[in-house]
Protein backbone atom coordinates (compact mmCIF):
# COMPACT_ATOMS: atom_id res chain seq x y z
CA MET A 1 -163.66 -141.98 -37.11
CA GLN A 2 -161.59 -145.00 -36.22
CA PHE A 3 -160.89 -148.41 -37.68
CA ARG A 4 -159.54 -151.07 -35.30
CA LEU A 5 -157.72 -154.34 -35.91
CA THR A 6 -156.45 -156.69 -33.25
CA TYR A 7 -152.89 -157.92 -33.45
CA SER A 8 -154.17 -161.48 -33.86
CA GLU A 9 -156.28 -160.46 -36.90
CA VAL A 10 -153.23 -158.91 -38.58
CA GLU A 11 -150.99 -161.85 -37.63
CA LYS A 12 -153.52 -164.27 -39.14
CA LEU A 13 -153.76 -162.27 -42.36
CA ILE A 14 -149.96 -162.14 -42.71
CA SER A 15 -149.72 -165.86 -42.06
CA GLU A 16 -152.40 -166.67 -44.64
CA LYS A 17 -150.86 -164.42 -47.32
CA SER A 18 -147.17 -165.10 -46.74
CA GLY A 19 -146.93 -168.29 -44.69
CA LYS A 20 -144.80 -166.39 -42.16
CA GLU A 21 -145.45 -165.98 -38.46
CA LEU A 22 -144.94 -162.40 -37.23
CA PRO A 23 -146.08 -162.06 -33.61
CA MET A 24 -146.91 -158.46 -32.69
CA CYS A 25 -147.35 -156.59 -29.45
CA PHE A 26 -147.64 -153.11 -28.01
CA GLY A 27 -144.39 -151.18 -27.90
CA GLY A 28 -145.76 -147.71 -27.14
CA PRO A 29 -148.56 -145.39 -28.27
CA HIS A 30 -147.10 -145.15 -31.78
CA THR A 31 -144.79 -148.18 -31.68
CA LEU A 32 -145.49 -151.75 -32.69
CA ARG A 33 -143.11 -154.51 -31.59
CA ILE A 34 -142.74 -157.38 -34.09
CA SER A 35 -140.71 -160.55 -33.71
CA HIS A 36 -139.57 -162.92 -36.42
CA LYS A 37 -137.78 -166.25 -36.26
CA VAL A 38 -134.62 -166.17 -38.36
CA PRO A 39 -132.80 -169.42 -39.13
CA LEU A 40 -129.57 -169.75 -37.15
CA MET A 41 -130.29 -166.52 -35.24
CA GLY A 42 -133.42 -167.38 -33.28
CA SER A 43 -136.06 -164.71 -32.74
CA VAL A 44 -135.28 -161.15 -33.83
CA GLY A 45 -137.27 -158.21 -32.51
CA LEU A 46 -138.12 -155.06 -34.40
CA ASP A 47 -139.79 -151.91 -33.11
CA ILE A 48 -141.64 -149.93 -35.78
CA THR A 49 -142.77 -146.42 -34.88
CA VAL A 50 -145.23 -144.28 -36.82
CA GLU A 51 -143.32 -141.01 -37.14
CA GLN A 52 -145.42 -138.97 -39.54
CA ILE A 53 -148.38 -139.16 -41.90
CA ARG A 54 -148.36 -137.01 -45.04
CA GLY A 55 -151.44 -137.59 -47.16
CA THR A 56 -151.25 -141.24 -48.20
CA ASP A 57 -147.60 -141.61 -47.15
CA VAL A 58 -146.66 -142.98 -43.73
CA ILE A 59 -143.12 -142.43 -42.46
CA LEU A 60 -142.00 -145.22 -40.13
CA SER A 61 -138.82 -145.56 -38.12
CA PHE A 62 -137.36 -148.82 -36.93
CA GLY A 63 -134.95 -149.82 -34.22
CA GLY A 64 -132.66 -152.78 -33.92
CA GLY A 65 -129.27 -151.77 -35.25
CA ALA A 66 -127.26 -152.61 -38.35
CA ALA A 67 -128.31 -156.27 -38.49
CA ILE A 68 -131.99 -155.32 -38.58
CA GLU A 69 -131.34 -152.69 -41.25
CA TYR A 70 -129.47 -155.27 -43.37
CA MET A 71 -132.32 -157.80 -43.04
CA LEU A 72 -134.92 -155.15 -43.89
CA ARG A 73 -132.99 -154.07 -46.97
CA ALA A 74 -132.76 -157.71 -48.11
CA ALA A 75 -136.48 -158.30 -47.46
CA LEU A 76 -137.47 -155.11 -49.29
CA SER A 77 -135.25 -156.04 -52.20
CA GLN A 78 -137.13 -159.33 -52.54
CA ALA A 79 -140.49 -157.61 -52.01
CA LYS A 80 -139.93 -155.20 -54.92
CA ASN A 81 -140.88 -158.03 -57.31
CA GLN A 82 -144.07 -158.85 -55.38
CA PRO A 83 -147.47 -157.14 -55.61
CA GLY A 84 -147.34 -154.00 -53.47
CA GLY A 85 -143.54 -154.07 -53.31
CA ASP A 86 -143.33 -150.60 -54.81
CA MET A 87 -145.20 -149.20 -51.80
CA ILE A 88 -142.23 -149.53 -49.42
CA GLU A 89 -139.03 -147.54 -49.73
CA MET A 90 -135.99 -147.27 -47.44
CA LEU A 91 -135.16 -143.74 -46.38
CA GLY A 92 -132.04 -142.63 -44.54
CA GLY A 93 -131.75 -142.72 -40.77
CA ASN A 94 -133.54 -146.02 -40.13
CA GLN A 95 -136.75 -144.84 -41.76
CA LEU A 96 -139.19 -146.40 -44.19
CA LEU A 97 -141.73 -144.75 -46.46
CA LEU A 98 -145.00 -146.64 -46.79
CA ALA A 99 -146.72 -145.12 -49.86
CA LEU A 100 -150.26 -146.38 -49.38
CA GLY A 101 -151.58 -144.36 -52.31
CA LYS A 102 -149.48 -146.33 -54.83
CA ASN A 103 -151.63 -149.44 -54.45
CA PRO A 104 -154.80 -149.39 -56.59
CA ASN A 105 -156.76 -151.09 -53.80
CA THR A 106 -155.81 -148.54 -51.15
CA ALA A 107 -155.80 -145.54 -53.53
CA GLY A 108 -159.58 -145.88 -53.87
CA ILE A 109 -159.96 -145.74 -50.10
CA PHE A 110 -157.91 -142.53 -49.91
CA GLU A 111 -160.22 -140.89 -52.42
CA ARG A 112 -162.85 -141.05 -49.66
CA ILE A 113 -160.88 -140.48 -46.46
CA ASP A 114 -158.00 -138.50 -45.00
CA LEU A 115 -155.67 -140.56 -42.82
CA GLN A 116 -155.07 -138.82 -39.48
CA ASP A 117 -153.15 -141.20 -37.20
CA ILE A 118 -152.06 -144.78 -36.61
CA HIS A 119 -151.54 -145.78 -32.99
CA PHE A 120 -151.56 -148.82 -30.75
CA ASP A 121 -152.74 -150.14 -27.40
CA GLU A 122 -152.21 -153.47 -25.65
CA GLN A 123 -154.46 -155.41 -28.06
CA THR A 124 -155.27 -153.20 -31.02
CA ILE A 125 -154.00 -151.25 -34.00
CA MET A 126 -156.12 -148.10 -34.38
CA ILE A 127 -156.36 -146.11 -37.60
CA ASP A 128 -157.92 -142.67 -37.23
CA PHE A 129 -159.38 -141.04 -40.33
CA THR A 130 -161.74 -138.31 -41.43
CA PRO A 131 -164.23 -138.92 -44.25
CA LYS A 132 -163.94 -136.50 -47.17
CA SER A 133 -167.05 -134.58 -48.12
CA PHE A 134 -169.10 -136.02 -50.93
């Protein structure tokens, strides 16, 4: 089975929840390109690639060099004190761990499904899953 979200739906949700604009676009079959306006720097681009899915954990890699890694570390440090902040962890080698099962809201979902894949096309984020037997 598949769940689909358009980039504009996700952008709107992020804007409503955080007040930040994060335009997204297709970067490849498993890569999402995100841009963010940074004061004094202009727009900064970030490519996030879905590398691996292990149960409820999603391993992501990111490109952009040392400046991007520094900004991500700073953002994640601030996010640790926010709801859901414990779901994201920096790994070595420009990788992030997204532990979806740590959130009570998403943990309930994973009691009913097995996550198979997350991939992208020109307009859409697609989440493939298999329902667990009842």
